[in-house]
Amino acid sequence: MADSIMYQEDAFVVLETDQPEQFMTPQELQHKLEAILSSGEVDIPRELEKFDSLEKQAQHLMENYFELDVGTGKYLQWYVVRLEK
């Protein structure tokens, strides 16, 4: 049986074009993804069209993806990290 600690999200490492790596809380990443999705400047994965709010779309991205296509030559990636053993 898998240890429940495997599913804990203490923080995320966020990698973004021309930015140093950042540590974000789940709430901070959620807000960042919501802002990006609301800008209308990115092509969202088709799977997200079934959700009726930005909050649900961003949550689904956080839980099921690790990157978002934010344009040619740009990137946005995130990875879950645990800060303690």
PDB file of N, CA and C in Angstrom:
ATOM      1  N   MET A   1       0.849  -1.186   0.000  1.00  0.00           N
ATOM      2  CA  MET A   1       0.000   0.000   0.000  1.00  0.00           C
ATOM      3  C   MET A   1       0.891   1.244   0.000  1.00  0.00           C
ATOM      4  N   ALA A   2       0.542   2.219  -0.787  1.00  0.00           N
ATOM      5  CA  ALA A   2       1.321   3.450  -0.896  1.00  0.00           C
ATOM      6  C   ALA A   2       1.214   4.265   0.387  1.00  0.00           C
ATOM      7  N   ASP A   3       2.322   4.874   0.753  1.00  0.00           N
ATOM      8  CA  ASP A   3       2.363   5.737   1.933  1.00  0.00           C
ATOM      9  C   ASP A   3       1.622   7.038   1.612  1.00  0.00           C
ATOM     10  N   SER A   4       0.766   7.494   2.524  1.00  0.00           N
ATOM     11  CA  SER A   4      -0.034   8.698   2.279  1.00  0.00           C
ATOM     12  C   SER A   4       0.826   9.941   2.092  1.00  0.00           C
ATOM     13  N   ILE A   5       2.063   9.920   2.572  1.00  0.00           N
ATOM     14  CA  ILE A   5       2.951  11.085   2.408  1.00  0.00           C
ATOM     15  C   ILE A   5       3.244  11.328   0.925  1.00  0.00           C
ATOM     16  N   MET A   6       3.096  10.286   0.108  1.00  0.00           N
ATOM     17  CA  MET A   6       3.345  10.444  -1.333  1.00  0.00           C
ATOM     18  C   MET A   6       2.377  11.429  -1.972  1.00  0.00           C
ATOM     19  N   TYR A   7       1.244  11.667  -1.335  1.00  0.00           N
ATOM     20  CA  TYR A   7       0.228  12.526  -1.927  1.00  0.00           C
ATOM     21  C   TYR A   7       0.122  13.888  -1.256  1.00  0.00           C
ATOM     22  N   GLN A   8       1.058  14.201  -0.362  1.00  0.00           N
ATOM     23  CA  GLN A   8       1.049  15.502   0.293  1.00  0.00           C
ATOM     24  C   GLN A   8       1.731  16.529  -0.596  1.00  0.00           C
ATOM     25  N   GLU A   9       1.167  17.712  -0.657  1.00  0.00           N
ATOM     26  CA  GLU A   9       1.728  18.802  -1.457  1.00  0.00           C
ATOM     27  C   GLU A   9       2.128  19.924  -0.520  1.00  0.00           C
ATOM     28  N   ASP A  10       3.390  19.933  -0.115  1.00  0.00           N
ATOM     29  CA  ASP A  10       3.866  21.005   0.755  1.00  0.00           C
ATOM     30  C   ASP A  10       4.090  22.291  -0.028  1.00  0.00           C
ATOM     31  N   ALA A  11       4.680  22.132  -1.203  1.00  0.00           N
ATOM     32  CA  ALA A  11       5.017  23.296  -2.024  1.00  0.00           C
ATOM     33  C   ALA A  11       5.245  22.826  -3.453  1.00  0.00           C
ATOM     34  N   PHE A  12       5.416  23.789  -4.326  1.00  0.00           N
ATOM     35  CA  PHE A  12       5.722  23.508  -5.721  1.00  0.00           C
ATOM     36  C   PHE A  12       6.973  24.284  -6.112  1.00  0.00           C
ATOM     37  N   VAL A  13       7.817  23.662  -6.907  1.00  0.00           N
ATOM     38  CA  VAL A  13       8.899  24.376  -7.559  1.00  0.00           C
ATOM     39  C   VAL A  13       8.329  24.800  -8.899  1.00  0.00           C
ATOM     40  N   VAL A  14       8.421  26.087  -9.200  1.00  0.00           N
ATOM     41  CA  VAL A  14       7.864  26.627 -10.441  1.00  0.00           C
ATOM     42  C   VAL A  14       9.008  27.143 -11.303  1.00  0.00           C
ATOM     43  N   LEU A  15       9.045  26.660 -12.538  1.00  0.00           N
ATOM     44  CA  LEU A  15      10.056  27.076 -13.509  1.00  0.00           C
ATOM     45  C   LEU A  15       9.350  27.843 -14.619  1.00  0.00           C
ATOM     46  N   GLU A  16       9.894  29.023 -14.900  1.00  0.00           N
ATOM     47  CA  GLU A  16       9.254  29.908 -15.874  1.00  0.00           C
ATOM     48  C   GLU A  16      10.322  30.583 -16.721  1.00  0.00           C
ATOM     49  N   THR A  17       9.997  30.856 -17.958  1.00  0.00           N
ATOM     50  CA  THR A  17      10.922  31.499 -18.880  1.00  0.00           C
ATOM     51  C   THR A  17      11.528  32.755 -18.269  1.00  0.00           C
ATOM     52  N   ASP A  18      12.856  32.874 -18.339  1.00  0.00           N
ATOM     53  CA  ASP A  18      13.597  34.063 -17.895  1.00  0.00           C
ATOM     54  C   ASP A  18      13.372  34.436 -16.436  1.00  0.00           C
ATOM     55  N   GLN A  19      13.014  33.463 -15.591  1.00  0.00           N
ATOM     56  CA  GLN A  19      12.800  33.708 -14.166  1.00  0.00           C
ATOM     57  C   GLN A  19      13.599  32.677 -13.369  1.00  0.00           C
ATOM     58  N   PRO A  20      14.088  33.065 -12.189  1.00  0.00           N
ATOM     59  CA  PRO A  20      14.716  32.048 -11.336  1.00  0.00           C
ATOM     60  C   PRO A  20      13.648  31.104 -10.812  1.00  0.00           C
ATOM     61  N   GLU A  21      14.048  29.897 -10.432  1.00  0.00           N
ATOM     62  CA  GLU A  21      13.053  28.963  -9.882  1.00  0.00           C
ATOM     63  C   GLU A  21      12.435  29.557  -8.624  1.00  0.00           C
ATOM     64  N   GLN A  22      11.168  29.260  -8.430  1.00  0.00           N
ATOM     65  CA  GLN A  22      10.435  29.786  -7.286  1.00  0.00           C
ATOM     66  C   GLN A  22       9.774  28.640  -6.537  1.00  0.00           C
ATOM     67  N   PHE A  23       9.688  28.784  -5.233  1.00  0.00           N
ATOM     68  CA  PHE A  23       8.887  27.876  -4.424  1.00  0.00           C
ATOM     69  C   PHE A  23       7.562  28.580  -4.163  1.00  0.00           C
ATOM     70  N   MET A  24       6.469  27.866  -4.413  1.00  0.00           N
ATOM     71  CA  MET A  24       5.137  28.429  -4.205  1.00  0.00           C
ATOM     72  C   MET A  24       4.296  27.461  -3.385  1.00  0.00           C
ATOM     73  N   THR A  25       3.404  28.033  -2.597  1.00  0.00           N
ATOM     74  CA  THR A  25       2.419  27.203  -1.907  1.00  0.00           C
ATOM     75  C   THR A  25       1.390  26.752  -2.940  1.00  0.00           C
ATOM     76  N   PRO A  26       0.603  25.741  -2.625  1.00  0.00           N
ATOM     77  CA  PRO A  26      -0.460  25.349  -3.557  1.00  0.00           C
ATOM     78  C   PRO A  26      -1.397  26.517  -3.887  1.00  0.00           C
ATOM     79  N   GLN A  27      -1.694  27.351  -2.906  1.00  0.00           N
ATOM     80  CA  GLN A  27      -2.592  28.490  -3.141  1.00  0.00           C
ATOM     81  C   GLN A  27      -1.953  29.511  -4.092  1.00  0.00           C
ATOM     82  N   GLU A  28      -0.656  29.754  -3.926  1.00  0.00           N
ATOM     83  CA  GLU A  28       0.027  30.709  -4.808  1.00  0.00           C
ATOM     84  C   GLU A  28       0.052  30.208  -6.243  1.00  0.00           C
ATOM     85  N   LEU A  29       0.337  28.923  -6.423  1.00  0.00           N
ATOM     86  CA  LEU A  29       0.343  28.366  -7.776  1.00  0.00           C
ATOM     87  C   LEU A  29      -1.061  28.388  -8.363  1.00  0.00           C
ATOM     88  N   GLN A  30      -2.051  28.078  -7.563  1.00  0.00           N
ATOM     89  CA  GLN A  30      -3.443  28.121  -8.021  1.00  0.00           C
ATOM     90  C   GLN A  30      -3.772  29.513  -8.560  1.00  0.00           C
ATOM     91  N   HIS A  31      -3.412  30.553  -7.816  1.00  0.00           N
ATOM     92  CA  HIS A  31      -3.700  31.927  -8.249  1.00  0.00           C
ATOM     93  C   HIS A  31      -2.924  32.285  -9.519  1.00  0.00           C
ATOM     94  N   LYS A  32      -1.686  31.834  -9.606  1.00  0.00           N
ATOM     95  CA  LYS A  32      -0.879  32.103 -10.798  1.00  0.00           C
ATOM     96  C   LYS A  32      -1.524  31.457 -12.025  1.00  0.00           C
ATOM     97  N   LEU A  33      -1.933  30.198 -11.883  1.00  0.00           N
ATOM     98  CA  LEU A  33      -2.566  29.509 -13.014  1.00  0.00           C
ATOM     99  C   LEU A  33      -3.894  30.151 -13.393  1.00  0.00           C
ATOM    100  N   GLU A  34      -4.663  30.568 -12.407  1.00  0.00           N
ATOM    101  CA  GLU A  34      -5.924  31.252 -12.696  1.00  0.00           C
ATOM    102  C   GLU A  34      -5.673  32.535 -13.482  1.00  0.00           C
ATOM    103  N   ALA A  35      -4.653  33.291 -13.090  1.00  0.00           N
ATOM    104  CA  ALA A  35      -4.333  34.540 -13.784  1.00  0.00           C
ATOM    105  C   ALA A  35      -3.921  34.267 -15.227  1.00  0.00           C
ATOM    106  N   ILE A  36      -3.124  33.237 -15.434  1.00  0.00           N
ATOM    107  CA  ILE A  36      -2.683  32.889 -16.787  1.00  0.00           C
ATOM    108  C   ILE A  36      -3.869  32.436 -17.634  1.00  0.00           C
ATOM    109  N   LEU A  37      -4.718  31.595 -17.057  1.00  0.00           N
ATOM    110  CA  LEU A  37      -5.888  31.117 -17.797  1.00  0.00           C
ATOM    111  C   LEU A  37      -6.850  32.251 -18.129  1.00  0.00           C
ATOM    112  N   SER A  38      -6.989  33.209 -17.235  1.00  0.00           N
ATOM    113  CA  SER A  38      -7.923  34.311 -17.475  1.00  0.00           C
ATOM    114  C   SER A  38      -7.394  35.325 -18.483  1.00  0.00           C
ATOM    115  N   SER A  39      -6.088  35.304 -18.729  1.00  0.00           N
ATOM    116  CA  SER A  39      -5.505  36.262 -19.672  1.00  0.00           C
ATOM    117  C   SER A  39      -5.959  36.002 -21.104  1.00  0.00           C
ATOM    118  N   GLY A  40      -6.347  34.761 -21.396  1.00  0.00           N
ATOM    119  CA  GLY A  40      -6.780  34.421 -22.745  1.00  0.00           C
ATOM    120  C   GLY A  40      -5.631  34.326 -23.736  1.00  0.00           C
ATOM    121  N   GLU A  41      -4.404  34.399 -23.249  1.00  0.00           N
ATOM    122  CA  GLU A  41      -3.239  34.390 -24.139  1.00  0.00           C
ATOM    123  C   GLU A  41      -2.625  33.007 -24.294  1.00  0.00           C
ATOM    124  N   VAL A  42      -3.219  31.991 -23.667  1.00  0.00           N
ATOM    125  CA  VAL A  42      -2.693  30.637 -23.771  1.00  0.00           C
ATOM    126  C   VAL A  42      -3.763  29.713 -24.319  1.00  0.00           C
ATOM    127  N   ASP A  43      -3.303  28.689 -25.012  1.00  0.00           N
ATOM    128  CA  ASP A  43      -4.215  27.643 -25.471  1.00  0.00           C
ATOM    129  C   ASP A  43      -4.339  26.636 -24.347  1.00  0.00           C
ATOM    130  N   ILE A  44      -5.532  26.526 -23.794  1.00  0.00           N
ATOM    131  CA  ILE A  44      -5.707  25.603 -22.682  1.00  0.00           C
ATOM    132  C   ILE A  44      -5.934  24.198 -23.211  1.00  0.00           C
ATOM    133  N   PRO A  45      -5.504  23.196 -22.463  1.00  0.00           N
ATOM    134  CA  PRO A  45      -5.779  21.822 -22.885  1.00  0.00           C
ATOM    135  C   PRO A  45      -7.283  21.600 -23.031  1.00  0.00           C
ATOM    136  N   ARG A  46      -7.662  20.870 -24.032  1.00  0.00           N
ATOM    137  CA  ARG A  46      -9.080  20.620 -24.325  1.00  0.00           C
ATOM    138  C   ARG A  46      -9.810  20.035 -23.126  1.00  0.00           C
ATOM    139  N   GLU A  47      -9.108  19.235 -22.349  1.00  0.00           N
ATOM    140  CA  GLU A  47      -9.688  18.591 -21.166  1.00  0.00           C
ATOM    141  C   GLU A  47     -10.251  19.610 -20.169  1.00  0.00           C
ATOM    142  N   LEU A  48      -9.706  20.831 -20.159  1.00  0.00           N
ATOM    143  CA  LEU A  48     -10.147  21.840 -19.200  1.00  0.00           C
ATOM    144  C   LEU A  48     -11.463  22.507 -19.584  1.00  0.00           C
ATOM    145  N   GLU A  49     -11.879  22.344 -20.816  1.00  0.00           N
ATOM    146  CA  GLU A  49     -13.110  22.993 -21.283  1.00  0.00           C
ATOM    147  C   GLU A  49     -14.353  22.495 -20.553  1.00  0.00           C
ATOM    148  N   LYS A  50     -14.273  21.322 -19.949  1.00  0.00           N
ATOM    149  CA  LYS A  50     -15.436  20.771 -19.254  1.00  0.00           C
ATOM    150  C   LYS A  50     -15.680  21.430 -17.898  1.00  0.00           C
ATOM    151  N   PHE A  51     -14.721  22.202 -17.398  1.00  0.00           N
ATOM    152  CA  PHE A  51     -14.872  22.856 -16.096  1.00  0.00           C
ATOM    153  C   PHE A  51     -15.479  24.245 -16.280  1.00  0.00           C
ATOM    154  N   ASP A  52     -16.361  24.613 -15.366  1.00  0.00           N
ATOM    155  CA  ASP A  52     -17.107  25.861 -15.522  1.00  0.00           C
ATOM    156  C   ASP A  52     -16.488  27.062 -14.803  1.00  0.00           C
ATOM    157  N   SER A  53     -15.322  26.887 -14.193  1.00  0.00           N
ATOM    158  CA  SER A  53     -14.697  28.036 -13.524  1.00  0.00           C
ATOM    159  C   SER A  53     -13.181  27.965 -13.658  1.00  0.00           C
ATOM    160  N   LEU A  54     -12.552  29.133 -13.575  1.00  0.00           N
ATOM    161  CA  LEU A  54     -11.092  29.195 -13.617  1.00  0.00           C
ATOM    162  C   LEU A  54     -10.485  28.436 -12.448  1.00  0.00           C
ATOM    163  N   GLU A  55     -11.146  28.518 -11.304  1.00  0.00           N
ATOM    164  CA  GLU A  55     -10.646  27.829 -10.110  1.00  0.00           C
ATOM    165  C   GLU A  55     -10.551  26.319 -10.346  1.00  0.00           C
ATOM    166  N   LYS A  56     -11.585  25.743 -10.925  1.00  0.00           N
ATOM    167  CA  LYS A  56     -11.595  24.306 -11.189  1.00  0.00           C
ATOM    168  C   LYS A  56     -10.588  23.939 -12.275  1.00  0.00           C
ATOM    169  N   GLN A  57     -10.463  24.794 -13.284  1.00  0.00           N
ATOM    170  CA  GLN A  57      -9.481  24.540 -14.334  1.00  0.00           C
ATOM    171  C   GLN A  57      -8.065  24.550 -13.767  1.00  0.00           C
ATOM    172  N   ALA A  58      -7.753  25.558 -12.965  1.00  0.00           N
ATOM    173  CA  ALA A  58      -6.420  25.667 -12.372  1.00  0.00           C
ATOM    174  C   ALA A  58      -6.147  24.492 -11.439  1.00  0.00           C
ATOM    175  N   GLN A  59      -7.135  24.100 -10.656  1.00  0.00           N
ATOM    176  CA  GLN A  59      -6.974  22.965  -9.745  1.00  0.00           C
ATOM    177  C   GLN A  59      -6.677  21.691 -10.521  1.00  0.00           C
ATOM    178  N   HIS A  60      -7.398  21.483 -11.611  1.00  0.00           N
ATOM    179  CA  HIS A  60      -7.178  20.296 -12.442  1.00  0.00           C
ATOM    180  C   HIS A  60      -5.771  20.329 -13.042  1.00  0.00           C
ATOM    181  N   LEU A  61      -5.330  21.480 -13.505  1.00  0.00           N
ATOM    182  CA  LEU A  61      -3.968  21.605 -14.025  1.00  0.00           C
ATOM    183  C   LEU A  61      -2.949  21.220 -12.961  1.00  0.00           C
ATOM    184  N   MET A  62      -3.098  21.759 -11.771  1.00  0.00           N
ATOM    185  CA  MET A  62      -2.158  21.482 -10.690  1.00  0.00           C
ATOM    186  C   MET A  62      -2.091  19.994 -10.374  1.00  0.00           C
ATOM    187  N   GLU A  63      -3.216  19.331 -10.387  1.00  0.00           N
ATOM    188  CA  GLU A  63      -3.291  17.933  -9.968  1.00  0.00           C
ATOM    189  C   GLU A  63      -2.942  16.939 -11.072  1.00  0.00           C
ATOM    190  N   ASN A  64      -3.046  17.339 -12.330  1.00  0.00           N
ATOM    191  CA  ASN A  64      -2.910  16.379 -13.421  1.00  0.00           C
ATOM    192  C   ASN A  64      -1.858  16.721 -14.470  1.00  0.00           C
ATOM    193  N   TYR A  65      -1.289  17.884 -14.417  1.00  0.00           N
ATOM    194  CA  TYR A  65      -0.279  18.307 -15.385  1.00  0.00           C
ATOM    195  C   TYR A  65       0.950  18.784 -14.644  1.00  0.00           C
ATOM    196  N   PHE A  66       2.026  19.004 -15.388  1.00  0.00           N
ATOM    197  CA  PHE A  66       3.210  19.598 -14.794  1.00  0.00           C
ATOM    198  C   PHE A  66       3.744  20.754 -15.637  1.00  0.00           C
ATOM    199  N   GLU A  67       3.030  21.074 -16.716  1.00  0.00           N
ATOM    200  CA  GLU A  67       3.447  22.207 -17.533  1.00  0.00           C
ATOM    201  C   GLU A  67       2.260  22.750 -18.322  1.00  0.00           C
ATOM    202  N   LEU A  68       2.427  23.997 -18.754  1.00  0.00           N
ATOM    203  CA  LEU A  68       1.406  24.645 -19.558  1.00  0.00           C
ATOM    204  C   LEU A  68       2.101  25.357 -20.701  1.00  0.00           C
ATOM    205  N   ASP A  69       1.593  25.168 -21.908  1.00  0.00           N
ATOM    206  CA  ASP A  69       2.150  25.839 -23.084  1.00  0.00           C
ATOM    207  C   ASP A  69       1.757  27.304 -23.028  1.00  0.00           C
ATOM    208  N   VAL A  70       2.730  28.157 -22.798  1.00  0.00           N
ATOM    209  CA  VAL A  70       2.458  29.591 -22.671  1.00  0.00           C
ATOM    210  C   VAL A  70       3.001  30.384 -23.854  1.00  0.00           C
ATOM    211  N   GLY A  71       3.308  29.708 -24.950  1.00  0.00           N
ATOM    212  CA  GLY A  71       3.739  30.398 -26.158  1.00  0.00           C
ATOM    213  C   GLY A  71       5.058  29.870 -26.688  1.00  0.00           C
ATOM    214  N   THR A  72       5.349  30.238 -27.916  1.00  0.00           N
ATOM    215  CA  THR A  72       6.566  29.794 -28.574  1.00  0.00           C
ATOM    216  C   THR A  72       7.795  30.290 -27.824  1.00  0.00           C
ATOM    217  N   GLY A  73       8.671  29.369 -27.499  1.00  0.00           N
ATOM    218  CA  GLY A  73       9.907  29.725 -26.817  1.00  0.00           C
ATOM    219  C   GLY A  73       9.740  30.051 -25.343  1.00  0.00           C
ATOM    220  N   LYS A  74       8.561  29.835 -24.802  1.00  0.00           N
ATOM    221  CA  LYS A  74       8.299  30.101 -23.385  1.00  0.00           C
ATOM    222  C   LYS A  74       7.851  28.816 -22.710  1.00  0.00           C
ATOM    223  N   TYR A  75       7.986  28.777 -21.401  1.00  0.00           N
ATOM    224  CA  TYR A  75       7.537  27.601 -20.668  1.00  0.00           C
ATOM    225  C   TYR A  75       7.088  27.973 -19.263  1.00  0.00           C
ATOM    226  N   LEU A  76       6.231  27.143 -18.718  1.00  0.00           N
ATOM    227  CA  LEU A  76       5.798  27.216 -17.327  1.00  0.00           C
ATOM    228  C   LEU A  76       5.637  25.774 -16.867  1.00  0.00           C
ATOM    229  N   GLN A  77       6.450  25.387 -15.889  1.00  0.00           N
ATOM    230  CA  GLN A  77       6.410  24.032 -15.352  1.00  0.00           C
ATOM    231  C   GLN A  77       6.345  24.094 -13.837  1.00  0.00           C
ATOM    232  N   TRP A  78       5.748  23.072 -13.223  1.00  0.00           N
ATOM    233  CA  TRP A  78       5.676  23.018 -11.760  1.00  0.00           C
ATOM    234  C   TRP A  78       5.802  21.576 -11.304  1.00  0.00           C
ATOM    235  N   TYR A  79       6.441  21.427 -10.154  1.00  0.00           N
ATOM    236  CA  TYR A  79       6.680  20.111  -9.588  1.00  0.00           C
ATOM    237  C   TYR A  79       6.407  20.139  -8.090  1.00  0.00           C
ATOM    238  N   VAL A  80       5.721  19.135  -7.585  1.00  0.00           N
ATOM    239  CA  VAL A  80       5.432  19.042  -6.165  1.00  0.00           C
ATOM    240  C   VAL A  80       6.712  18.689  -5.419  1.00  0.00           C
ATOM    241  N   VAL A  81       6.919  19.349  -4.290  1.00  0.00           N
ATOM    242  CA  VAL A  81       8.046  19.018  -3.415  1.00  0.00           C
ATOM    243  C   VAL A  81       7.547  18.926  -1.988  1.00  0.00           C
ATOM    244  N   ARG A  82       8.180  18.041  -1.224  1.00  0.00           N
ATOM    245  CA  ARG A  82       7.928  17.960   0.214  1.00  0.00           C
ATOM    246  C   ARG A  82       9.103  18.624   0.898  1.00  0.00           C
ATOM    247  N   LEU A  83       8.834  19.450   1.866  1.00  0.00           N
ATOM    248  CA  LEU A  83       9.873  20.232   2.516  1.00  0.00           C
ATOM    249  C   LEU A  83      10.464  19.532   3.730  1.00  0.00           C
ATOM    250  N   GLU A  84       9.821  18.481   4.210  1.00  0.00           N
ATOM    251  CA  GLU A  84      10.319  17.712   5.354  1.00  0.00           C
ATOM    252  C   GLU A  84      10.172  16.237   5.060  1.00  0.00           C
ATOM    253  N   LYS A  85      10.969  15.437   5.777  1.00  0.00           N
ATOM    254  CA  LYS A  85      10.824  13.980   5.682  1.00  0.00           C
ATOM    255  C   LYS A  85       9.649  13.536   6.508  1.00  0.00           C
TER     256      LYS A  85
END
